[in-house]
Amino acid sequence: MEDKPEWSENYFVNFVHIRYIKKIHRHGDNIVLVYGIELDFLNSAITFNDSQALQTLLEEESKKSSSVLEEYLKIMETYKIKGTVQTSHCTKPGEGILNVAADVKADYVVVGCRGRGKLRRTFLGSVSDYLMHHSTVPVLICPYKE
């Protein structure tokens, strides 16, 4: 199976509408949408002691995350979902999600799954696999559907 896009409005709307709202969400639920930012991209700039490259990377990532968070908020407003959005800066997105879950005392974690193939998942890992094996609260993994 081929990889699904990293992030797209269609992917997220599909997940929110089909998976979360129709099957999981209950009136009164308060959700926290987390956009995990991997800090690994900073390693090359830090390694080569290039402060200009580091500044550029940080600015680009800040713009990207602001854009994604704005889209998350619009979608939450459209579907009248109560909650907040936030970023998590981490070396692994799964760690960041679990840190936020612990901070907000989440009852459970719901995560979308892009559908990476077994070989690619074996070498690169997956956030959903990480969450499933390291979470102290239940994890619901919702696969992507066209």
C-alpha atoms as a PDB file:
ATOM      1  CA  MET A   1       0.000   0.000   0.000  1.00  0.00           C
ATOM      2  CA  GLU A   2       1.406   3.418  -0.869  1.00  0.00           C
ATOM      3  CA  ASP A   3       1.936   6.156   1.695  1.00  0.00           C
ATOM      4  CA  LYS A   4      -0.787   8.680   2.210  1.00  0.00           C
ATOM      5  CA  PRO A   5       0.137  12.367   2.286  1.00  0.00           C
ATOM      6  CA  GLU A   6       1.997  13.696   5.319  1.00  0.00           C
ATOM      7  CA  TRP A   7      -0.842  16.081   6.037  1.00  0.00           C
ATOM      8  CA  SER A   8      -3.624  17.426   3.926  1.00  0.00           C
ATOM      9  CA  GLU A   9      -6.947  19.019   4.607  1.00  0.00           C
ATOM     10  CA  ASN A  10      -8.721  16.114   2.884  1.00  0.00           C
ATOM     11  CA  TYR A  11      -6.885  13.567   5.010  1.00  0.00           C
ATOM     12  CA  PHE A  12      -7.650  15.410   8.206  1.00  0.00           C
ATOM     13  CA  VAL A  13     -11.293  16.127   7.310  1.00  0.00           C
ATOM     14  CA  ASN A  14     -11.704  12.450   6.400  1.00  0.00           C
ATOM     15  CA  PHE A  15     -10.314  11.420   9.755  1.00  0.00           C
ATOM     16  CA  VAL A  16     -12.247  14.001  11.781  1.00  0.00           C
ATOM     17  CA  HIS A  17     -15.574  13.561  10.027  1.00  0.00           C
ATOM     18  CA  ILE A  18     -15.705   9.881   9.207  1.00  0.00           C
ATOM     19  CA  ARG A  19     -13.698   8.409  12.045  1.00  0.00           C
ATOM     20  CA  TYR A  20     -13.919  10.745  14.992  1.00  0.00           C
ATOM     21  CA  ILE A  21     -17.217  12.637  14.804  1.00  0.00           C
ATOM     22  CA  LYS A  22     -19.403   9.816  13.510  1.00  0.00           C
ATOM     23  CA  LYS A  23     -17.987   7.029  15.636  1.00  0.00           C
ATOM     24  CA  ILE A  24     -16.198   8.340  18.724  1.00  0.00           C
ATOM     25  CA  HIS A  25     -17.062  11.900  19.706  1.00  0.00           C
ATOM     26  CA  ARG A  26     -19.626  12.417  22.446  1.00  0.00           C
ATOM     27  CA  HIS A  27     -21.309  15.661  23.412  1.00  0.00           C
ATOM     28  CA  GLY A  28     -19.198  17.314  26.094  1.00  0.00           C
ATOM     29  CA  ASP A  29     -15.907  15.754  24.988  1.00  0.00           C
ATOM     30  CA  ASN A  30     -13.004  18.177  25.061  1.00  0.00           C
ATOM     31  CA  ILE A  31     -10.262  17.339  22.605  1.00  0.00           C
ATOM     32  CA  VAL A  32      -6.693  18.524  22.223  1.00  0.00           C
ATOM     33  CA  LEU A  33      -5.375  18.315  18.668  1.00  0.00           C
ATOM     34  CA  VAL A  34      -1.611  17.973  18.675  1.00  0.00           C
ATOM     35  CA  TYR A  35       0.698  18.812  15.796  1.00  0.00           C
ATOM     36  CA  GLY A  36       3.996  17.100  16.567  1.00  0.00           C
ATOM     37  CA  ILE A  37       7.085  18.881  15.274  1.00  0.00           C
ATOM     38  CA  GLU A  38      10.143  16.674  14.933  1.00  0.00           C
ATOM     39  CA  LEU A  39      13.295  18.498  15.937  1.00  0.00           C
ATOM     40  CA  ASP A  40      15.573  16.127  14.015  1.00  0.00           C
ATOM     41  CA  PHE A  41      15.606  18.551  11.091  1.00  0.00           C
ATOM     42  CA  LEU A  42      17.668  20.907  13.257  1.00  0.00           C
ATOM     43  CA  ASN A  43      20.565  18.478  13.661  1.00  0.00           C
ATOM     44  CA  SER A  44      22.323  19.359  10.408  1.00  0.00           C
ATOM     45  CA  ALA A  45      22.267  23.100  11.119  1.00  0.00           C
ATOM     46  CA  ILE A  46      23.482  22.546  14.664  1.00  0.00           C
ATOM     47  CA  THR A  47      26.171  20.078  13.564  1.00  0.00           C
ATOM     48  CA  PHE A  48      27.628  22.527  11.061  1.00  0.00           C
ATOM     49  CA  ASN A  49      27.250  25.438  13.483  1.00  0.00           C
ATOM     50  CA  ASP A  50      25.255  27.396  10.905  1.00  0.00           C
ATOM     51  CA  SER A  51      23.144  29.870  12.851  1.00  0.00           C
ATOM     52  CA  GLN A  52      21.592  31.377   9.709  1.00  0.00           C
ATOM     53  CA  ALA A  53      20.429  27.953   8.485  1.00  0.00           C
ATOM     54  CA  LEU A  54      19.092  27.185  11.947  1.00  0.00           C
ATOM     55  CA  GLN A  55      17.153  30.460  12.048  1.00  0.00           C
ATOM     56  CA  THR A  56      15.724  29.819   8.571  1.00  0.00           C
ATOM     57  CA  LEU A  57      14.639  26.288   9.501  1.00  0.00           C
ATOM     58  CA  LEU A  58      12.971  27.506  12.684  1.00  0.00           C
ATOM     59  CA  GLU A  59      11.100  30.271  10.827  1.00  0.00           C
ATOM     60  CA  GLU A  60       9.899  27.852   8.129  1.00  0.00           C
ATOM     61  CA  GLU A  61       8.715  25.338  10.710  1.00  0.00           C
ATOM     62  CA  SER A  62       6.963  28.054  12.697  1.00  0.00           C
ATOM     63  CA  LYS A  63       5.062  29.211   9.586  1.00  0.00           C
ATOM     64  CA  LYS A  64       4.113  25.645   8.690  1.00  0.00           C
ATOM     65  CA  SER A  65       2.889  24.817  12.192  1.00  0.00           C
ATOM     66  CA  SER A  66       0.895  28.064  12.434  1.00  0.00           C
ATOM     67  CA  SER A  67      -0.801  27.249   9.137  1.00  0.00           C
ATOM     68  CA  VAL A  68      -1.644  23.696  10.224  1.00  0.00           C
ATOM     69  CA  LEU A  69      -2.981  24.861  13.605  1.00  0.00           C
ATOM     70  CA  GLU A  70      -5.188  27.459  11.886  1.00  0.00           C
ATOM     71  CA  GLU A  71      -6.628  24.724   9.659  1.00  0.00           C
ATOM     72  CA  TYR A  72      -7.232  22.493  12.689  1.00  0.00           C
ATOM     73  CA  LEU A  73      -9.132  25.324  14.399  1.00  0.00           C
ATOM     74  CA  LYS A  74     -11.268  25.981  11.303  1.00  0.00           C
ATOM     75  CA  ILE A  75     -12.191  22.316  11.067  1.00  0.00           C
ATOM     76  CA  MET A  76     -13.032  22.160  14.774  1.00  0.00           C
ATOM     77  CA  GLU A  77     -15.262  25.231  14.377  1.00  0.00           C
ATOM     78  CA  THR A  78     -16.951  23.739  11.307  1.00  0.00           C
ATOM     79  CA  TYR A  79     -17.834  20.548  13.168  1.00  0.00           C
ATOM     80  CA  LYS A  80     -18.504  22.347  16.480  1.00  0.00           C
ATOM     81  CA  ILE A  81     -15.850  20.377  18.349  1.00  0.00           C
ATOM     82  CA  LYS A  82     -14.901  21.778  21.742  1.00  0.00           C
ATOM     83  CA  GLY A  83     -11.174  21.808  22.446  1.00  0.00           C
ATOM     84  CA  THR A  84      -7.792  23.321  21.710  1.00  0.00           C
ATOM     85  CA  VAL A  85      -4.898  22.875  19.315  1.00  0.00           C
ATOM     86  CA  GLN A  86      -1.228  22.926  20.167  1.00  0.00           C
ATOM     87  CA  THR A  87       2.194  21.970  18.944  1.00  0.00           C
ATOM     88  CA  SER A  88       4.610  19.598  20.566  1.00  0.00           C
ATOM     89  CA  HIS A  89       8.335  19.960  19.872  1.00  0.00           C
ATOM     90  CA  CYS A  90      10.108  16.638  20.185  1.00  0.00           C
ATOM     91  CA  THR A  91      12.597  14.264  18.604  1.00  0.00           C
ATOM     92  CA  LYS A  92       9.801  11.738  18.009  1.00  0.00           C
ATOM     93  CA  PRO A  93       6.174  12.762  17.316  1.00  0.00           C
ATOM     94  CA  GLY A  94       4.881   9.872  19.428  1.00  0.00           C
ATOM     95  CA  GLU A  95       6.807  11.142  22.456  1.00  0.00           C
ATOM     96  CA  GLY A  96       5.358  14.600  21.960  1.00  0.00           C
ATOM     97  CA  ILE A  97       1.805  13.286  21.711  1.00  0.00           C
ATOM     98  CA  LEU A  98       2.219  11.220  24.868  1.00  0.00           C
ATOM     99  CA  ASN A  99       3.747  14.185  26.709  1.00  0.00           C
ATOM    100  CA  VAL A 100       0.713  16.300  25.832  1.00  0.00           C
ATOM    101  CA  ALA A 101      -1.640  13.442  26.764  1.00  0.00           C
ATOM    102  CA  ALA A 102       0.024  13.245  30.183  1.00  0.00           C
ATOM    103  CA  ASP A 103      -0.045  17.038  30.649  1.00  0.00           C
ATOM    104  CA  VAL A 104      -3.782  17.271  29.926  1.00  0.00           C
ATOM    105  CA  LYS A 105      -4.559  13.998  31.724  1.00  0.00           C
ATOM    106  CA  ALA A 106      -6.137  12.495  28.599  1.00  0.00           C
ATOM    107  CA  ASP A 107      -8.528   9.583  29.001  1.00  0.00           C
ATOM    108  CA  TYR A 108      -7.423   8.128  25.662  1.00  0.00           C
ATOM    109  CA  VAL A 109      -5.492   8.963  22.501  1.00  0.00           C
ATOM    110  CA  VAL A 110      -7.017   8.840  19.023  1.00  0.00           C
ATOM    111  CA  VAL A 111      -4.581   8.826  16.126  1.00  0.00           C
ATOM    112  CA  GLY A 112      -4.902   8.572  12.368  1.00  0.00           C
ATOM    113  CA  CYS A 113      -2.829   6.088  10.422  1.00  0.00           C
ATOM    114  CA  ARG A 114      -1.507   6.803   6.917  1.00  0.00           C
ATOM    115  CA  GLY A 115      -1.121   3.184   5.944  1.00  0.00           C
ATOM    116  CA  ARG A 116       2.607   2.792   5.396  1.00  0.00           C
ATOM    117  CA  GLY A 117       3.716  -0.534   4.010  1.00  0.00           C
ATOM    118  CA  LYS A 118       5.315  -3.104   6.313  1.00  0.00           C
ATOM    119  CA  LEU A 119       8.836  -2.635   4.943  1.00  0.00           C
ATOM    120  CA  ARG A 120       8.766   1.131   5.218  1.00  0.00           C
ATOM    121  CA  ARG A 121       7.176   0.995   8.696  1.00  0.00           C
ATOM    122  CA  THR A 122       9.865  -1.467   9.824  1.00  0.00           C
ATOM    123  CA  PHE A 123      12.690   0.895   8.886  1.00  0.00           C
ATOM    124  CA  LEU A 124      11.075   4.232   9.642  1.00  0.00           C
ATOM    125  CA  GLY A 125       8.718   3.228  12.439  1.00  0.00           C
ATOM    126  CA  SER A 126       5.310   4.759  12.813  1.00  0.00           C
ATOM    127  CA  VAL A 127       3.727   7.109  15.287  1.00  0.00           C
ATOM    128  CA  SER A 128       0.747   4.820  15.804  1.00  0.00           C
ATOM    129  CA  ASP A 129       3.028   1.845  16.597  1.00  0.00           C
ATOM    130  CA  TYR A 130       4.989   3.969  19.045  1.00  0.00           C
ATOM    131  CA  LEU A 131       1.816   5.181  20.772  1.00  0.00           C
ATOM    132  CA  MET A 132       0.389   1.687  20.957  1.00  0.00           C
ATOM    133  CA  HIS A 133       3.494   0.370  22.716  1.00  0.00           C
ATOM    134  CA  HIS A 134       4.296   3.313  25.009  1.00  0.00           C
ATOM    135  CA  SER A 135       0.990   4.898  26.018  1.00  0.00           C
ATOM    136  CA  THR A 136      -0.332   4.581  29.557  1.00  0.00           C
ATOM    137  CA  VAL A 137      -3.880   5.302  28.325  1.00  0.00           C
ATOM    138  CA  PRO A 138      -5.877   3.462  25.635  1.00  0.00           C
ATOM    139  CA  VAL A 139      -4.989   4.285  22.016  1.00  0.00           C
ATOM    140  CA  LEU A 140      -7.490   4.121  19.176  1.00  0.00           C
ATOM    141  CA  ILE A 141      -5.850   3.919  15.732  1.00  0.00           C
ATOM    142  CA  CYS A 142      -8.070   4.983  12.837  1.00  0.00           C
ATOM    143  CA  PRO A 143      -6.862   3.957   9.375  1.00  0.00           C
ATOM    144  CA  TYR A 144      -7.088   6.331   6.432  1.00  0.00           C
ATOM    145  CA  LYS A 145      -9.897   5.624   3.986  1.00  0.00           C
ATOM    146  CA  GLU A 146     -10.440   7.285   0.613  1.00  0.00           C
END
